[in-house]
Each structure stands twice: as structure tokens, then as C-alpha cells.
Amino acid sequence: MVEAWYMDESPEDQRAPHRLRPNRAVSLEELRRLGVVYRKLDADNYETDPCLKEIRRAENYSWMDIITIHKDKLPNYEEKIKTFYEEHLHLDDEIRYILDGSGYFDVRDKDDKWIRISMEKGDMITLPAGIYHRFTLDESNYIKAMRLFVGEPVWTPYNRPADDLPARKQYMKFLAEEA
């Protein structure tokens, strides 16, 4: 099961857990109220998994690819890691399914505090369009993930501040309705 918590403000290695002391856990229900959707799937059988097939059909995830983030597998590795960790949003949902390895997605809560979501093999997450977030590897320095999209993929990150974008305004409206 996925684990999430509020982060400390330490500037130390981004790959460290960065838990507050004492730890302040975040439930799946709290993530859902932020628009974050979590699922657990069978990553060993992702090529034939009927659950993944049904999710793709129901959510209209018509495009997918697989990315491996490791210094020996990803061109411009150091540059990409820095880019992934810059706070940004997208105009579309971000859907990631972890096939192997592990890493962290950090999202902002309604009070602008960071929540760290620990992702590992079998975890699927959907981050809503307009949510400020970032990604980093954990101390394992390796992750293999499926990226899913509705239609053609759009990779454009909009670094903060991007509050004037329609996707951000729509997300803020969603948060206000959830309150």
C-alpha cells in the first residue's frame, strides 16, 4: 500500500524521505481530496493485466510508453533529474504506473505544504491537471514507469508560478468545492 507524509523543509538530498518528526502521515482519503487517485496493480503481468486494460479503456488512456530513470538508461540523466524535481504543473492529468524500482511524487496540499508520496512497483498514480508537483528518485536511484495519456502525449511542464493557466484555475475551483 502506498505511503504518504508531510515533508520537512530540509535542503538535504532530495532522494531522502524528508519526514517530519514526529511523522505526519497522509491518508489515501486526504490525497483523494486533493484530486490524487491511487491504485495498486500487478506490475509483474502489466502486459496482460485485465485491470490495467479496463482502466485504460474506462479512462480513455489511448497512449502509453515506458521510461526507465537510471544513470545508465536515461540520456541526459542529471539534467532530467533536475527538471523532474522543479515544481511544476501540467495542463493534463499525469498518470504513472510503476513497473519496477521506486521513487517519490511530491504534491502541494491546499495550504501549499509539500506531501511526499512514496511509489513502488505496482503503484499507479494520477495527478490532476493543475496540481503543483515534482518527482524524484529515492535512494535506490532507479525506477521504471509506464506513462499514460489521453490522446497524444504533451510533455510541457509549466514551472511555478503558473496560477494564471486555465488548468490551475480549474484545479483551485475543484479544491474549493472539496473544502
Protein backbone atom coordinates (compact mmCIF):
# COMPACT_ATOMS: atom_id res chain seq x y z
CA MET A 1 0.00 0.00 0.00
CA VAL A 2 1.22 3.48 -0.84
CA GLU A 3 2.59 5.65 1.95
CA ALA A 4 2.44 9.46 2.05
CA TRP A 5 3.54 12.07 4.60
CA TYR A 6 4.16 15.78 5.09
CA MET A 7 7.73 16.75 4.28
CA ASP A 8 10.28 18.65 6.33
CA GLU A 9 11.94 21.76 4.90
CA SER A 10 15.46 20.30 4.85
CA PRO A 11 17.61 21.21 1.83
CA GLU A 12 19.44 17.87 2.15
CA ASP A 13 19.49 15.22 -0.61
CA GLN A 14 16.13 15.29 -2.43
CA ARG A 15 16.17 11.47 -2.54
CA ALA A 16 15.94 11.17 1.26
CA PRO A 17 12.49 10.57 2.80
CA HIS A 18 12.24 14.05 4.41
CA ARG A 19 9.72 13.03 7.07
CA LEU A 20 8.65 15.46 9.75
CA ARG A 21 9.48 14.44 13.32
CA PRO A 22 7.10 13.20 14.51
CA ASN A 23 5.89 11.82 11.21
CA ARG A 24 2.61 13.29 9.87
CA ALA A 25 1.10 10.58 7.68
CA VAL A 26 -1.32 11.44 4.88
CA SER A 27 -4.17 9.03 4.10
CA LEU A 28 -5.46 7.94 0.71
CA GLU A 29 -8.64 9.87 1.52
CA GLU A 30 -6.64 13.07 2.07
CA LEU A 31 -4.87 12.51 -1.27
CA ARG A 32 -8.23 11.90 -2.96
CA ARG A 33 -9.49 15.26 -1.65
CA LEU A 34 -6.53 16.81 -3.50
CA GLY A 35 -7.63 15.01 -6.67
CA VAL A 36 -4.83 12.43 -6.48
CA VAL A 37 -6.00 8.93 -7.44
CA TYR A 38 -4.06 5.84 -6.33
CA ARG A 39 -4.41 2.25 -7.50
CA LYS A 40 -2.44 -0.93 -6.84
CA LEU A 41 -1.93 -3.24 -9.84
CA ASP A 42 0.02 -6.39 -10.75
CA ALA A 43 3.19 -4.98 -12.31
CA ASP A 44 4.60 -8.45 -12.98
CA ASN A 45 1.82 -9.01 -15.52
CA TYR A 46 1.23 -5.49 -16.83
CA GLU A 47 1.31 -6.63 -20.47
CA THR A 48 -1.74 -8.87 -19.97
CA ASP A 49 -3.34 -7.43 -16.82
CA PRO A 50 -7.13 -7.18 -17.32
CA CYS A 51 -7.34 -4.49 -14.57
CA LEU A 52 -4.88 -2.25 -16.44
CA LYS A 53 -6.74 -2.92 -19.69
CA GLU A 54 -10.04 -1.90 -18.06
CA ILE A 55 -8.52 1.26 -16.51
CA ARG A 56 -7.11 2.26 -19.90
CA ARG A 57 -10.48 1.68 -21.54
CA ALA A 58 -12.54 3.43 -18.84
CA GLU A 59 -10.22 6.46 -18.60
CA ASN A 60 -9.53 6.59 -22.36
CA TYR A 61 -5.75 6.23 -21.86
CA SER A 62 -5.03 5.61 -25.52
CA TRP A 63 -1.27 6.28 -25.48
CA MET A 64 1.48 4.80 -23.34
CA ASP A 65 5.22 4.36 -23.18
CA ILE A 66 7.74 3.09 -20.65
CA ILE A 67 10.56 5.17 -19.20
CA THR A 68 13.50 3.91 -17.17
CA ILE A 69 15.15 6.50 -14.99
CA HIS A 70 18.66 5.40 -14.09
CA LYS A 71 22.04 6.93 -14.89
CA ASP A 72 22.84 4.08 -17.32
CA LYS A 73 19.46 4.13 -19.09
CA LEU A 74 18.31 7.74 -19.47
CA PRO A 75 20.14 10.16 -21.80
CA ASN A 76 20.98 13.47 -20.06
CA TYR A 77 20.23 11.78 -16.73
CA GLU A 78 21.47 14.57 -14.41
CA GLU A 79 19.64 17.27 -16.38
CA LYS A 80 16.42 15.24 -16.44
CA ILE A 81 16.52 14.57 -12.68
CA LYS A 82 16.85 18.31 -12.02
CA THR A 83 13.99 19.09 -14.42
CA PHE A 84 11.68 16.46 -12.87
CA TYR A 85 12.29 17.97 -9.40
CA GLU A 86 11.37 21.53 -10.36
CA GLU A 87 7.93 22.42 -9.05
CA HIS A 88 5.52 22.49 -11.98
CA LEU A 89 2.06 21.64 -13.24
CA HIS A 90 0.63 20.22 -16.45
CA LEU A 91 -2.46 21.08 -18.48
CA ASP A 92 -3.45 17.39 -18.48
CA ASP A 93 -3.54 14.70 -15.80
CA GLU A 94 -0.22 12.95 -15.15
CA ILE A 95 -0.61 9.17 -14.94
CA ARG A 96 2.31 6.99 -13.86
CA TYR A 97 2.35 3.23 -13.23
CA ILE A 98 5.49 1.92 -11.51
CA LEU A 99 6.69 -1.30 -13.12
CA ASP A 100 9.92 -1.64 -11.12
CA GLY A 101 12.01 0.35 -8.67
CA SER A 102 10.80 3.22 -6.55
CA GLY A 103 10.64 6.98 -6.22
CA TYR A 104 8.69 9.93 -4.84
CA PHE A 105 5.98 12.21 -6.17
CA ASP A 106 5.62 15.38 -4.13
CA VAL A 107 2.36 17.34 -4.33
CA ARG A 108 1.18 20.57 -2.71
CA ASP A 109 -1.78 20.42 -0.36
CA LYS A 110 -4.49 23.10 -0.17
CA ASP A 111 -2.30 25.08 2.28
CA ASP A 112 0.72 24.89 -0.06
CA LYS A 113 2.60 22.34 2.09
CA TRP A 114 4.54 19.51 0.47
CA ILE A 115 3.25 15.95 0.73
CA ARG A 116 5.64 13.17 -0.31
CA ILE A 117 4.10 10.07 -1.89
CA SER A 118 6.34 7.00 -1.90
CA MET A 119 5.79 4.95 -5.04
CA GLU A 120 7.00 1.42 -5.72
CA LYS A 121 6.36 -1.50 -8.03
CA GLY A 122 2.64 -1.94 -8.77
CA ASP A 123 1.61 1.58 -7.73
CA MET A 124 -0.36 3.72 -10.18
CA ILE A 125 -0.99 7.39 -9.51
CA THR A 126 -2.99 10.03 -11.31
CA LEU A 127 -2.12 13.65 -10.54
CA PRO A 128 -4.84 16.05 -11.68
CA ALA A 129 -4.14 18.77 -14.23
CA GLY A 130 -3.21 21.99 -12.44
CA ILE A 131 -1.71 20.48 -9.26
CA TYR A 132 1.79 21.68 -8.40
CA HIS A 133 4.06 18.67 -8.11
CA ARG A 134 7.54 17.27 -8.71
CA PHE A 135 9.23 13.88 -8.96
CA THR A 136 12.49 12.45 -7.69
CA LEU A 137 14.09 9.09 -7.38
CA ASP A 138 14.57 7.74 -3.88
CA GLU A 139 17.90 6.42 -2.62
CA SER A 140 17.62 3.35 -4.90
CA ASN A 141 18.29 5.65 -7.90
CA TYR A 142 16.13 3.54 -10.22
CA ILE A 143 12.56 3.46 -11.43
CA LYS A 144 10.79 2.02 -14.46
CA ALA A 145 7.39 3.54 -15.12
CA MET A 146 4.60 3.42 -17.66
CA ARG A 147 3.37 6.84 -18.72
CA LEU A 148 -0.24 7.01 -19.85
CA PHE A 149 -2.10 9.74 -21.72
CA VAL A 150 -5.49 10.54 -23.16
CA GLY A 151 -4.65 11.16 -26.82
CA GLU A 152 -1.23 12.34 -27.94
CA PRO A 153 1.25 12.97 -25.11
CA VAL A 154 2.05 16.54 -24.11
CA TRP A 155 5.21 16.79 -22.03
CA THR A 156 5.12 20.51 -21.29
CA PRO A 157 5.75 21.38 -17.63
CA TYR A 158 4.73 24.86 -16.50
CA ASN A 159 7.04 25.85 -13.67
CA ARG A 160 5.64 27.73 -10.73
CA PRO A 161 4.22 30.35 -10.78
CA ALA A 162 1.58 29.29 -13.30
CA ASP A 163 -1.54 30.36 -11.42
CA ASP A 164 -2.99 32.17 -14.44
CA LEU A 165 -3.32 28.99 -16.53
CA PRO A 166 -6.87 27.62 -17.00
CA ALA A 167 -5.83 24.18 -15.69
CA ARG A 168 -4.62 25.75 -12.43
CA LYS A 169 -7.76 27.85 -12.07
CA GLN A 170 -9.91 24.74 -12.64
CA TYR A 171 -7.88 22.81 -10.07
CA MET A 172 -8.25 25.61 -7.49
CA LYS A 173 -12.02 25.59 -8.12
CA PHE A 174 -12.02 21.80 -7.51
CA LEU A 175 -10.17 22.32 -4.19
CA ALA A 176 -12.65 24.99 -3.10
CA GLU A 177 -15.55 22.63 -3.84
CA GLU A 178 -13.87 19.83 -1.85
CA ALA A 179 -13.50 22.07 1.23
